[in-house]
């Protein structure tokens, strides 16, 4: 009995989903938050559930600040909505 040709079969990927870090510095402390999927790009705006109504923007992409950690890290800055001009400004 001949075995089926498995070279064309697609097997489920054993690679874990991509992971990245978000780095948010605030008054006297910082937070590292792990994300799953594709890391955001410079200029992307984010809203994090734990930050309430705070709007954040990715200011740069770099390496993780943790030793021996190869994940990319998106560094965030808080934005504040200006009611007078209707535009966003750095805080």
N, C-alpha and C. Protein backbone atom coordinates (compact mmCIF):
# COMPACT_ATOMS: atom_id res chain seq x y z
N UNK A 1 0.85 -1.18 0.00
CA UNK A 1 0.00 0.00 0.00
C UNK A 1 0.89 1.24 0.00
N UNK A 2 0.65 2.16 -0.89
CA UNK A 2 1.46 3.37 -1.02
C UNK A 2 1.01 4.42 -0.01
N UNK A 3 1.97 5.16 0.51
CA UNK A 3 1.66 6.25 1.45
C UNK A 3 1.28 7.51 0.67
N UNK A 4 0.36 8.32 1.19
CA UNK A 4 -0.02 9.55 0.49
C UNK A 4 1.15 10.54 0.47
N UNK A 5 1.20 11.35 -0.56
CA UNK A 5 2.22 12.39 -0.68
C UNK A 5 1.85 13.53 0.25
N UNK A 6 2.66 13.75 1.30
CA UNK A 6 2.35 14.79 2.29
C UNK A 6 3.09 16.09 2.02
N UNK A 7 3.87 16.15 0.94
CA UNK A 7 4.65 17.37 0.69
C UNK A 7 3.77 18.57 0.39
N UNK A 8 2.54 18.34 -0.05
CA UNK A 8 1.64 19.45 -0.36
C UNK A 8 0.68 19.76 0.78
N UNK A 9 0.72 18.96 1.83
CA UNK A 9 -0.17 19.19 2.98
C UNK A 9 0.32 20.37 3.79
N UNK A 10 -0.58 21.18 4.26
CA UNK A 10 -0.16 22.28 5.12
C UNK A 10 -0.41 21.89 6.57
N UNK A 11 0.63 21.94 7.34
CA UNK A 11 0.54 21.62 8.75
C UNK A 11 0.39 22.90 9.55
N UNK A 12 -0.29 22.84 10.67
CA UNK A 12 -0.42 24.05 11.48
C UNK A 12 0.96 24.55 11.92
N UNK A 13 1.12 25.85 11.93
CA UNK A 13 2.39 26.45 12.33
C UNK A 13 2.62 26.24 13.81
N UNK A 14 3.85 25.89 14.15
CA UNK A 14 4.21 25.71 15.55
C UNK A 14 4.84 26.97 16.12
N UNK A 15 4.94 28.01 15.30
CA UNK A 15 5.50 29.27 15.78
C UNK A 15 4.48 29.98 16.67
N UNK A 16 4.93 30.44 17.82
CA UNK A 16 3.99 31.20 18.66
C UNK A 16 3.70 32.55 18.01
N UNK A 17 2.58 33.18 18.37
CA UNK A 17 2.29 34.49 17.80
C UNK A 17 3.38 35.50 18.18
N UNK A 18 3.58 36.49 17.32
CA UNK A 18 4.58 37.52 17.60
C UNK A 18 4.19 38.29 18.85
N UNK A 19 5.18 38.69 19.60
CA UNK A 19 4.96 39.46 20.83
C UNK A 19 5.86 40.69 20.80
N UNK A 20 5.41 41.75 21.45
CA UNK A 20 6.16 42.99 21.52
C UNK A 20 5.86 43.65 22.86
N UNK A 21 6.62 44.69 23.18
CA UNK A 21 6.39 45.44 24.42
C UNK A 21 5.97 46.86 24.10
N UNK A 22 5.18 47.43 24.99
CA UNK A 22 4.87 48.86 24.98
C UNK A 22 5.52 49.45 26.21
N UNK A 23 6.28 50.52 26.04
CA UNK A 23 6.98 51.19 27.15
C UNK A 23 6.33 52.54 27.35
N UNK A 24 5.79 52.76 28.55
CA UNK A 24 5.14 54.02 28.87
C UNK A 24 5.76 54.60 30.12
N UNK A 25 6.42 55.74 29.99
CA UNK A 25 7.01 56.43 31.13
C UNK A 25 6.04 57.48 31.63
N UNK A 26 5.90 57.57 32.95
CA UNK A 26 5.08 58.62 33.55
C UNK A 26 5.83 59.16 34.76
N UNK A 27 5.24 60.07 35.46
CA UNK A 27 5.90 60.76 36.57
C UNK A 27 6.52 59.77 37.57
N UNK A 28 7.84 59.63 37.50
CA UNK A 28 8.57 58.83 38.47
C UNK A 28 8.46 57.32 38.32
N UNK A 29 7.80 56.83 37.28
CA UNK A 29 7.69 55.38 37.11
C UNK A 29 7.47 55.07 35.63
N UNK A 30 7.49 53.78 35.31
CA UNK A 30 7.22 53.37 33.94
C UNK A 30 6.44 52.07 33.96
N UNK A 31 5.82 51.76 32.83
CA UNK A 31 5.07 50.52 32.69
C UNK A 31 5.54 49.82 31.42
N UNK A 32 5.68 48.51 31.50
CA UNK A 32 5.94 47.66 30.34
C UNK A 32 4.72 46.78 30.15
N UNK A 33 4.14 46.84 28.98
CA UNK A 33 2.94 46.08 28.69
C UNK A 33 3.23 45.18 27.49
N UNK A 34 2.92 43.89 27.61
CA UNK A 34 3.16 42.97 26.51
C UNK A 34 1.97 42.96 25.56
N UNK A 35 2.27 43.00 24.28
CA UNK A 35 1.25 42.91 23.25
C UNK A 35 1.48 41.69 22.39
N UNK A 36 0.42 41.22 21.75
CA UNK A 36 0.50 40.05 20.87
C UNK A 36 0.09 40.49 19.48
N UNK A 37 0.84 40.05 18.48
CA UNK A 37 0.55 40.40 17.09
C UNK A 37 1.66 41.28 16.54
N UNK A 38 1.31 42.14 15.62
CA UNK A 38 2.27 43.04 15.00
C UNK A 38 2.43 44.30 15.84
N UNK A 39 3.66 44.69 16.10
CA UNK A 39 3.93 45.89 16.90
C UNK A 39 3.42 47.12 16.16
N UNK A 40 2.93 48.13 16.90
CA UNK A 40 2.50 49.36 16.25
C UNK A 40 3.68 50.09 15.62
N UNK A 41 3.39 51.01 14.70
CA UNK A 41 4.44 51.77 14.02
C UNK A 41 4.56 53.16 14.61
N UNK A 42 5.69 53.81 14.34
CA UNK A 42 5.91 55.19 14.79
C UNK A 42 4.77 56.06 14.24
N UNK A 43 4.19 56.86 15.13
CA UNK A 43 3.09 57.74 14.75
C UNK A 43 1.71 57.15 15.02
N UNK A 44 1.63 55.83 15.25
CA UNK A 44 0.34 55.23 15.56
C UNK A 44 -0.17 55.74 16.91
N UNK A 45 -1.46 56.02 16.99
CA UNK A 45 -2.08 56.45 18.24
C UNK A 45 -2.78 55.26 18.88
N UNK A 46 -2.64 55.15 20.20
CA UNK A 46 -3.22 54.04 20.94
C UNK A 46 -4.04 54.57 22.11
N UNK A 47 -5.01 53.80 22.52
CA UNK A 47 -5.74 54.03 23.76
C UNK A 47 -5.67 52.73 24.54
N UNK A 48 -5.10 52.79 25.74
CA UNK A 48 -4.98 51.59 26.57
C UNK A 48 -6.08 51.61 27.62
N UNK A 49 -6.76 50.48 27.78
CA UNK A 49 -7.88 50.38 28.72
C UNK A 49 -7.47 50.78 30.14
N UNK A 50 -6.28 50.40 30.55
CA UNK A 50 -5.82 50.70 31.92
C UNK A 50 -5.48 52.16 32.13
N UNK A 51 -5.37 52.93 31.05
CA UNK A 51 -4.97 54.33 31.14
C UNK A 51 -6.17 55.28 31.08
N UNK A 52 -7.38 54.77 31.15
CA UNK A 52 -8.56 55.62 31.10
C UNK A 52 -8.73 56.25 29.74
N UNK A 53 -8.89 57.56 29.71
CA UNK A 53 -9.11 58.28 28.46
C UNK A 53 -7.80 58.75 27.81
N UNK A 54 -6.66 58.41 28.39
CA UNK A 54 -5.38 58.88 27.87
C UNK A 54 -5.14 58.38 26.46
N UNK A 55 -4.71 59.28 25.59
CA UNK A 55 -4.32 58.91 24.23
C UNK A 55 -2.80 58.90 24.16
N UNK A 56 -2.27 57.90 23.50
CA UNK A 56 -0.83 57.71 23.43
C UNK A 56 -0.40 57.61 21.98
N UNK A 57 0.84 58.03 21.72
CA UNK A 57 1.39 57.93 20.37
C UNK A 57 2.74 57.21 20.46
N UNK A 58 3.03 56.38 19.46
CA UNK A 58 4.32 55.69 19.40
C UNK A 58 5.35 56.69 18.91
N UNK A 59 6.34 57.00 19.76
CA UNK A 59 7.36 57.98 19.41
C UNK A 59 8.59 57.34 18.77
N UNK A 60 8.85 56.06 19.10
CA UNK A 60 9.97 55.35 18.46
C UNK A 60 9.81 53.86 18.68
N UNK A 61 10.45 53.10 17.82
CA UNK A 61 10.53 51.65 17.96
C UNK A 61 11.97 51.29 18.25
N UNK A 62 12.16 50.36 19.14
CA UNK A 62 13.52 49.95 19.49
C UNK A 62 13.52 48.56 20.08
N UNK A 63 14.62 48.23 20.71
CA UNK A 63 14.76 46.94 21.36
C UNK A 63 14.15 47.00 22.75
N UNK A 64 13.82 45.86 23.27
CA UNK A 64 13.30 45.76 24.62
C UNK A 64 14.34 46.30 25.61
N UNK A 65 13.89 47.00 26.66
CA UNK A 65 14.84 47.46 27.68
C UNK A 65 15.26 46.35 28.64
N UNK A 66 14.67 45.17 28.51
CA UNK A 66 15.00 44.05 29.39
C UNK A 66 16.21 43.30 28.85
N UNK A 67 17.12 42.88 29.72
CA UNK A 67 18.31 42.15 29.25
C UNK A 67 17.92 40.83 28.59
N UNK A 68 18.61 40.49 27.52
CA UNK A 68 18.44 39.23 26.79
C UNK A 68 17.03 39.04 26.22
N UNK A 69 16.30 40.11 26.04
CA UNK A 69 14.94 40.05 25.50
C UNK A 69 14.98 40.55 24.07
N UNK A 70 14.58 39.74 23.12
CA UNK A 70 14.69 40.08 21.71
C UNK A 70 13.42 40.70 21.13
N UNK A 71 12.39 40.89 21.97
CA UNK A 71 11.15 41.47 21.45
C UNK A 71 11.34 42.94 21.08
N UNK A 72 10.64 43.41 20.05
CA UNK A 72 10.67 44.84 19.76
C UNK A 72 9.87 45.59 20.83
N UNK A 73 10.16 46.85 20.97
CA UNK A 73 9.48 47.68 21.96
C UNK A 73 9.03 48.99 21.32
N UNK A 74 7.76 49.33 21.51
CA UNK A 74 7.22 50.61 21.04
C UNK A 74 7.19 51.55 22.24
N UNK A 75 7.91 52.66 22.12
CA UNK A 75 7.97 53.65 23.19
C UNK A 75 6.86 54.67 22.98
N UNK A 76 6.06 54.88 24.03
CA UNK A 76 4.86 55.70 23.93
C UNK A 76 5.01 57.03 24.64
N UNK A 77 4.31 58.04 24.13
CA UNK A 77 4.20 59.34 24.78
C UNK A 77 2.72 59.67 24.89
N UNK A 78 2.35 60.31 25.99
CA UNK A 78 0.95 60.71 26.18
C UNK A 78 0.65 61.94 25.35
N UNK A 79 -0.55 61.98 24.83
CA UNK A 79 -1.06 63.14 24.10
C UNK A 79 -2.22 63.72 24.89
N UNK A 80 -2.41 65.02 24.75
CA UNK A 80 -3.53 65.68 25.41
C UNK A 80 -4.33 66.41 24.35
N UNK A 81 -5.62 66.25 24.38
CA UNK A 81 -6.49 66.91 23.42
C UNK A 81 -6.66 68.37 23.81
N UNK A 82 -6.45 69.26 22.86
CA UNK A 82 -6.61 70.69 23.13
C UNK A 82 -8.01 71.11 22.68
N UNK A 83 -8.85 71.49 23.63
CA UNK A 83 -10.24 71.87 23.33
C UNK A 83 -10.31 73.13 22.47
N UNK A 84 -9.37 74.07 22.69
CA UNK A 84 -9.42 75.34 21.97
C UNK A 84 -9.12 75.15 20.48
N UNK A 85 -8.08 74.38 20.17
CA UNK A 85 -7.67 74.26 18.78
C UNK A 85 -8.20 73.01 18.10
N UNK A 86 -8.68 72.06 18.91
CA UNK A 86 -9.16 70.82 18.34
C UNK A 86 -8.05 69.91 17.87
N UNK A 87 -6.80 70.24 18.19
CA UNK A 87 -5.67 69.43 17.76
C UNK A 87 -5.05 68.71 18.95
N UNK A 88 -4.14 67.81 18.66
CA UNK A 88 -3.43 67.08 19.71
C UNK A 88 -2.07 67.71 19.93
N UNK A 89 -1.67 67.80 21.20
CA UNK A 89 -0.36 68.36 21.53
C UNK A 89 0.36 67.44 22.49
N UNK A 90 1.69 67.46 22.47
CA UNK A 90 2.48 66.68 23.41
C UNK A 90 2.30 67.22 24.80
N UNK A 91 2.32 66.31 25.78
CA UNK A 91 2.25 66.71 27.18
C UNK A 91 3.63 66.64 27.77
